C-alpha atoms as a PDB file:
ATOM      1  CA  MET A   1       6.413 -16.483   8.320  1.00  0.00           C
ATOM      2  CA  MET A   2       3.106 -16.122   6.560  1.00  0.00           C
ATOM      3  CA  CYS A   3       1.925 -12.875   5.009  1.00  0.00           C
ATOM      4  CA  TRP A   4      -1.845 -12.202   5.162  1.00  0.00           C
ATOM      5  CA  ARG A   5      -3.476  -9.923   2.711  1.00  0.00           C
ATOM      6  CA  LEU A   6      -7.174  -9.121   2.949  1.00  0.00           C
ATOM      7  CA  HIS A   7      -8.917  -8.386  -0.401  1.00  0.00           C
ATOM      8  CA  ARG A   8     -12.141  -6.595  -0.230  1.00  0.00           C
ATOM      9  CA  PHE A   9     -14.601  -7.116  -3.169  1.00  0.00           C
ATOM     10  CA  ASN A  10     -17.736  -5.020  -3.275  1.00  0.00           C
ATOM     11  CA  THR A  11     -20.335  -3.681  -5.669  1.00  0.00           C
ATOM     12  CA  PHE A  12     -23.061  -1.204  -4.857  1.00  0.00           C
ATOM     13  CA  ASN A  13     -25.728  -2.613  -2.486  1.00  0.00           C
ATOM     14  CA  ALA A  14     -23.867  -5.986  -2.275  1.00  0.00           C
ATOM     15  CA  PRO A  15     -22.554  -7.466   1.041  1.00  0.00           C
ATOM     16  CA  VAL A  16     -18.842  -7.107   1.558  1.00  0.00           C
ATOM     17  CA  ALA A  17     -16.817 -10.331   1.390  1.00  0.00           C
ATOM     18  CA  LEU A  18     -13.365 -10.492   2.901  1.00  0.00           C
ATOM     19  CA  HIS A  19     -11.027 -13.153   1.613  1.00  0.00           C
ATOM     20  CA  ALA A  20      -7.835 -14.065   3.332  1.00  0.00           C
ATOM     21  CA  VAL A  21      -4.989 -14.905   0.992  1.00  0.00           C
ATOM     22  CA  THR A  22      -1.913 -16.543   2.403  1.00  0.00           C
ATOM     23  CA  SER A  23       1.495 -16.470   0.831  1.00  0.00           C
ATOM     24  CA  SER A  24       4.986 -17.330   2.058  1.00  0.00           C
ATOM     25  CA  GLN A  25       7.287 -14.415   2.497  1.00  0.00           C
ATOM     26  CA  PRO A  26      10.281 -14.683   0.108  1.00  0.00           C
ATOM     27  CA  LYS A  27      13.769 -15.050   1.567  1.00  0.00           C
ATOM     28  CA  GLY A  28      15.512 -11.724   2.111  1.00  0.00           C
ATOM     29  CA  ASN A  29      17.079  -9.241   4.455  1.00  0.00           C
ATOM     30  CA  LEU A  30      14.956  -6.656   6.199  1.00  0.00           C
ATOM     31  CA  MET A  31      16.074  -3.203   4.972  1.00  0.00           C
ATOM     32  CA  GLY A  32      15.881   0.125   6.882  1.00  0.00           C
ATOM     33  CA  PHE A  33      14.341   2.971   4.933  1.00  0.00           C
ATOM     34  CA  LYS A  34      13.251   6.546   5.276  1.00  0.00           C
ATOM     35  CA  PRO A  35      10.118   7.890   3.526  1.00  0.00           C
ATOM     36  CA  LEU A  36      11.064  10.717   1.147  1.00  0.00           C
ATOM     37  CA  GLN A  37       7.477  11.615   0.129  1.00  0.00           C
ATOM     38  CA  GLU A  38       4.078  10.270   1.067  1.00  0.00           C
ATOM     39  CA  ARG A  39       1.117  12.216  -0.353  1.00  0.00           C
ATOM     40  CA  PHE A  40      -2.596  11.667  -0.522  1.00  0.00           C
ATOM     41  CA  ASN A  41      -4.459  11.261  -3.744  1.00  0.00           C
ATOM     42  CA  TYR A  42      -7.990  12.830  -3.575  1.00  0.00           C
ATOM     43  CA  TYR A  43     -11.132  11.640  -5.259  1.00  0.00           C
ATOM     44  CA  ALA A  44     -14.493  13.467  -5.476  1.00  0.00           C
ATOM     45  CA  LEU A  45     -17.282  10.927  -4.888  1.00  0.00           C
ATOM     46  CA  LYS A  46     -20.786  11.276  -6.412  1.00  0.00           C
ATOM     47  CA  ASP A  47     -22.279  12.144  -2.993  1.00  0.00           C
ATOM     48  CA  GLY A  48     -19.865  15.097  -2.616  1.00  0.00           C
ATOM     49  CA  THR A  49     -17.543  13.403  -0.242  1.00  0.00           C
ATOM     50  CA  ILE A  50     -13.844  13.702  -0.780  1.00  0.00           C
ATOM     51  CA  LEU A  51     -11.844  10.464  -0.337  1.00  0.00           C
ATOM     52  CA  GLY A  52      -8.140  10.732   0.359  1.00  0.00           C
ATOM     53  CA  VAL A  53      -5.916   7.668  -0.154  1.00  0.00           C
ATOM     54  CA  LYS A  54      -2.201   7.125   0.218  1.00  0.00           C
ATOM     55  CA  LEU A  55       0.019   4.105   0.218  1.00  0.00           C
ATOM     56  CA  ALA A  56       2.629   3.744   2.907  1.00  0.00           C
ATOM     57  CA  VAL A  57       5.446   1.224   2.816  1.00  0.00           C
ATOM     58  CA  VAL A  58       5.675  -0.838   6.011  1.00  0.00           C
ATOM     59  CA  LYS A  59       8.627  -3.134   5.427  1.00  0.00           C
ATOM     60  CA  VAL A  60      11.183  -3.716   2.678  1.00  0.00           C
ATOM     61  CA  TYR A  61      13.216  -6.828   2.095  1.00  0.00           C
ATOM     62  CA  ARG A  62      16.167  -7.124  -0.251  1.00  0.00           C
ATOM     63  CA  LEU A  63      15.598 -10.547  -1.819  1.00  0.00           C
ATOM     64  CA  GLN A  64      18.110 -13.409  -1.742  1.00  0.00           C
ATOM     65  CA  ASN A  65      18.572 -16.509  -3.864  1.00  0.00           C
ATOM     66  CA  PRO A  66      18.536 -19.914  -2.218  1.00  0.00           C
ATOM     67  CA  ASP A  67      22.362 -19.691  -1.979  1.00  0.00           C
ATOM     68  CA  ASN A  68      22.064 -16.364  -0.073  1.00  0.00           C
ATOM     69  CA  SER A  69      23.416 -14.326  -2.953  1.00  0.00           C
ATOM     70  CA  PRO A  70      21.528 -11.142  -3.801  1.00  0.00           C
ATOM     71  CA  ALA A  71      18.584 -11.711  -6.155  1.00  0.00           C
ATOM     72  CA  TYR A  72      18.046  -9.628  -9.254  1.00  0.00           C
ATOM     73  CA  THR A  73      15.069  -9.133 -11.685  1.00  0.00           C
ATOM     74  CA  PRO A  74      15.346 -10.432 -15.229  1.00  0.00           C
ATOM     75  CA  GLU A  75      16.253  -6.834 -16.236  1.00  0.00           C
ATOM     76  CA  GLY A  76      19.278  -6.981 -13.865  1.00  0.00           C
ATOM     77  CA  GLU A  77      17.870  -4.628 -11.221  1.00  0.00           C
ATOM     78  CA  PRO A  78      17.980  -5.494  -7.506  1.00  0.00           C
ATOM     79  CA  ALA A  79      14.966  -7.479  -6.349  1.00  0.00           C
ATOM     80  CA  TYR A  80      12.824  -6.294  -3.379  1.00  0.00           C
ATOM     81  CA  TYR A  81       9.752  -7.503  -1.601  1.00  0.00           C
ATOM     82  CA  TYR A  82       7.688  -4.989   0.315  1.00  0.00           C
ATOM     83  CA  THR A  83       4.570  -4.652   2.359  1.00  0.00           C
ATOM     84  CA  THR A  84       2.301  -1.700   2.266  1.00  0.00           C
ATOM     85  CA  GLN A  85      -0.654  -0.168   4.040  1.00  0.00           C
ATOM     86  CA  ASN A  86      -3.454   1.907   2.592  1.00  0.00           C
ATOM     87  CA  ILE A  87      -4.165   5.098   4.651  1.00  0.00           C
ATOM     88  CA  THR A  88      -7.472   6.782   3.962  1.00  0.00           C
ATOM     89  CA  GLN A  89      -9.318   9.969   5.045  1.00  0.00           C
ATOM     90  CA  VAL A  90     -12.850  11.091   4.318  1.00  0.00           C
ATOM     91  CA  LEU A  91     -13.468  14.796   3.997  1.00  0.00           C
ATOM     92  CA  THR A  92     -16.396  17.131   3.315  1.00  0.00           C
ATOM     93  CA  PRO A  93     -15.926  19.540   0.326  1.00  0.00           C
ATOM     94  CA  GLU A  94     -15.461  22.333   2.960  1.00  0.00           C
ATOM     95  CA  GLU A  95     -12.828  20.418   4.895  1.00  0.00           C
ATOM     96  CA  TYR A  96     -10.969  19.672   1.631  1.00  0.00           C
ATOM     97  CA  LYS A  97     -11.020  23.313   0.533  1.00  0.00           C
ATOM     98  CA  SER A  98      -9.762  24.555   3.940  1.00  0.00           C
ATOM     99  CA  PHE A  99      -7.209  21.768   4.011  1.00  0.00           C
ATOM    100  CA  LYS A 100      -5.810  22.657   0.577  1.00  0.00           C
ATOM    101  CA  THR A 101      -5.662  26.377   1.270  1.00  0.00           C
ATOM    102  CA  THR A 102      -3.633  25.849   4.484  1.00  0.00           C
ATOM    103  CA  ALA A 103      -1.233  23.248   2.977  1.00  0.00           C
END
């Protein structure tokens, strides 16, 4: 299975270039999981817009060695591979203020 990641490189007033990067998925077992906390980080942009961004985990794999034994990091911790998705929201300052007062 191939894992595709799109990287977006952009500077102000420059065209956006999307580059597909392929990589093989490491060997491992798909793990079930339950999100305990997923919060947005908010950024005030120069034009007054509020940008909200949060990272959400999509899949988690417990990595295995070629002999199917569990893999560990050099520090001795269990090794995992995971895929994520960025979730964004764009708010006006008024929407952000009303959102934060009701939350």
